[in-house]
Amino acid sequence: MSNKEKNLFVTFYTTAEAMATEQSCSSSNIEGKLVPVPRVLSAGCGVAWKGRPEDIDITTQMLKDNDIEWEEITIL
């Protein structure tokens, strides 16, 4: 059994929202990057934000503060 590191994933309906997230996270010093959506998740645009699980609250608040629409926020 492997102890895989968990990650925070945010999926989006559009690529524009994913790109806005990348820019806003960078401006807010929230660590992460855009990645293809993991197979176990579904996403309208196929792009997800991958970050640290411990940043779930600040990431969610940043999305709300910047009026960025997301599809799902999960930790895998």
C-alpha atoms as a PDB file:
ATOM      1  CA  MET A   1       0.000   0.000   0.000  1.00  0.00           C
ATOM      2  CA  SER A   2       1.341   3.397  -0.929  1.00  0.00           C
ATOM      3  CA  ASN A   3       0.809   6.547   1.077  1.00  0.00           C
ATOM      4  CA  LYS A   4       0.105   8.894  -1.786  1.00  0.00           C
ATOM      5  CA  GLU A   5       0.185  12.556  -0.987  1.00  0.00           C
ATOM      6  CA  LYS A   6      -3.246  14.169  -1.064  1.00  0.00           C
ATOM      7  CA  ASN A   7      -3.913  17.227  -3.211  1.00  0.00           C
ATOM      8  CA  LEU A   8      -6.621  19.854  -3.437  1.00  0.00           C
ATOM      9  CA  PHE A   9      -8.360  19.957  -6.830  1.00  0.00           C
ATOM     10  CA  VAL A  10     -10.690  22.672  -8.087  1.00  0.00           C
ATOM     11  CA  THR A  11     -12.523  21.958 -11.348  1.00  0.00           C
ATOM     12  CA  PHE A  12     -14.154  24.522 -13.599  1.00  0.00           C
ATOM     13  CA  TYR A  13     -16.829  24.852 -16.269  1.00  0.00           C
ATOM     14  CA  THR A  14     -14.606  27.037 -18.458  1.00  0.00           C
ATOM     15  CA  THR A  15     -10.910  27.447 -19.159  1.00  0.00           C
ATOM     16  CA  ALA A  16     -11.269  31.194 -18.553  1.00  0.00           C
ATOM     17  CA  GLU A  17     -12.282  30.510 -14.926  1.00  0.00           C
ATOM     18  CA  ALA A  18      -9.314  28.147 -14.513  1.00  0.00           C
ATOM     19  CA  MET A  19      -6.930  30.792 -15.841  1.00  0.00           C
ATOM     20  CA  ALA A  20      -8.477  33.454 -13.587  1.00  0.00           C
ATOM     21  CA  THR A  21      -7.866  31.117 -10.650  1.00  0.00           C
ATOM     22  CA  GLU A  22      -4.214  30.701 -11.589  1.00  0.00           C
ATOM     23  CA  GLN A  23      -3.758  34.465 -11.736  1.00  0.00           C
ATOM     24  CA  SER A  24      -5.648  35.112  -8.485  1.00  0.00           C
ATOM     25  CA  CYS A  25      -3.826  32.357  -6.596  1.00  0.00           C
ATOM     26  CA  SER A  26      -0.493  33.703  -7.796  1.00  0.00           C
ATOM     27  CA  SER A  27      -1.442  37.224  -6.648  1.00  0.00           C
ATOM     28  CA  SER A  28      -2.558  35.818  -3.272  1.00  0.00           C
ATOM     29  CA  ASN A  29       0.567  33.641  -2.849  1.00  0.00           C
ATOM     30  CA  ILE A  30      -1.507  30.449  -2.814  1.00  0.00           C
ATOM     31  CA  GLU A  31       0.682  27.566  -3.936  1.00  0.00           C
ATOM     32  CA  GLY A  32      -0.492  25.410  -6.840  1.00  0.00           C
ATOM     33  CA  LYS A  33      -0.792  25.076 -10.613  1.00  0.00           C
ATOM     34  CA  LEU A  34      -3.173  24.226 -13.432  1.00  0.00           C
ATOM     35  CA  VAL A  35      -3.234  20.541 -14.393  1.00  0.00           C
ATOM     36  CA  PRO A  36      -5.375  18.192 -16.488  1.00  0.00           C
ATOM     37  CA  VAL A  37      -8.413  17.014 -14.514  1.00  0.00           C
ATOM     38  CA  PRO A  38      -7.766  13.665 -12.780  1.00  0.00           C
ATOM     39  CA  ARG A  39      -9.778  10.828 -14.335  1.00  0.00           C
ATOM     40  CA  VAL A  40     -11.818  10.271 -11.175  1.00  0.00           C
ATOM     41  CA  LEU A  41     -13.273  13.785 -11.497  1.00  0.00           C
ATOM     42  CA  SER A  42     -15.337  15.298 -14.254  1.00  0.00           C
ATOM     43  CA  ALA A  43     -14.950  18.858 -15.445  1.00  0.00           C
ATOM     44  CA  GLY A  44     -16.480  20.861 -18.221  1.00  0.00           C
ATOM     45  CA  CYS A  45     -13.203  22.354 -19.416  1.00  0.00           C
ATOM     46  CA  GLY A  46     -10.731  19.565 -18.619  1.00  0.00           C
ATOM     47  CA  VAL A  47      -8.449  21.838 -16.561  1.00  0.00           C
ATOM     48  CA  ALA A  48      -8.163  21.852 -12.763  1.00  0.00           C
ATOM     49  CA  TRP A  49      -6.285  23.832 -10.131  1.00  0.00           C
ATOM     50  CA  LYS A  50      -4.054  21.561  -8.050  1.00  0.00           C
ATOM     51  CA  GLY A  51      -3.028  22.916  -4.674  1.00  0.00           C
ATOM     52  CA  ARG A  52      -2.273  21.970  -1.108  1.00  0.00           C
ATOM     53  CA  PRO A  53      -5.121  20.411   0.931  1.00  0.00           C
ATOM     54  CA  GLU A  54      -4.347  22.684   3.870  1.00  0.00           C
ATOM     55  CA  ASP A  55      -5.150  25.681   1.629  1.00  0.00           C
ATOM     56  CA  ILE A  56      -8.769  24.610   0.979  1.00  0.00           C
ATOM     57  CA  ASP A  57     -10.269  27.426   3.072  1.00  0.00           C
ATOM     58  CA  ILE A  58      -8.135  30.253   1.679  1.00  0.00           C
ATOM     59  CA  THR A  59      -8.541  28.920  -1.867  1.00  0.00           C
ATOM     60  CA  THR A  60     -12.335  28.743  -1.511  1.00  0.00           C
ATOM     61  CA  GLN A  61     -12.429  32.260  -0.050  1.00  0.00           C
ATOM     62  CA  MET A  62     -10.199  33.591  -2.858  1.00  0.00           C
ATOM     63  CA  LEU A  63     -12.555  32.078  -5.462  1.00  0.00           C
ATOM     64  CA  LYS A  64     -15.550  33.729  -3.777  1.00  0.00           C
ATOM     65  CA  ASP A  65     -13.773  37.080  -3.345  1.00  0.00           C
ATOM     66  CA  ASN A  66     -12.829  37.146  -7.041  1.00  0.00           C
ATOM     67  CA  ASP A  67     -16.237  35.942  -8.310  1.00  0.00           C
ATOM     68  CA  ILE A  68     -14.664  32.887  -9.932  1.00  0.00           C
ATOM     69  CA  GLU A  69     -17.168  30.141 -10.686  1.00  0.00           C
ATOM     70  CA  TRP A  70     -15.966  26.612  -9.975  1.00  0.00           C
ATOM     71  CA  GLU A  71     -17.528  23.232 -10.522  1.00  0.00           C
ATOM     72  CA  GLU A  72     -16.108  21.168  -7.654  1.00  0.00           C
ATOM     73  CA  ILE A  73     -13.548  21.461  -4.853  1.00  0.00           C
ATOM     74  CA  THR A  74     -12.205  18.161  -3.553  1.00  0.00           C
ATOM     75  CA  ILE A  75      -9.201  16.572  -1.915  1.00  0.00           C
ATOM     76  CA  LEU A  76      -7.822  13.393  -3.490  1.00  0.00           C
END
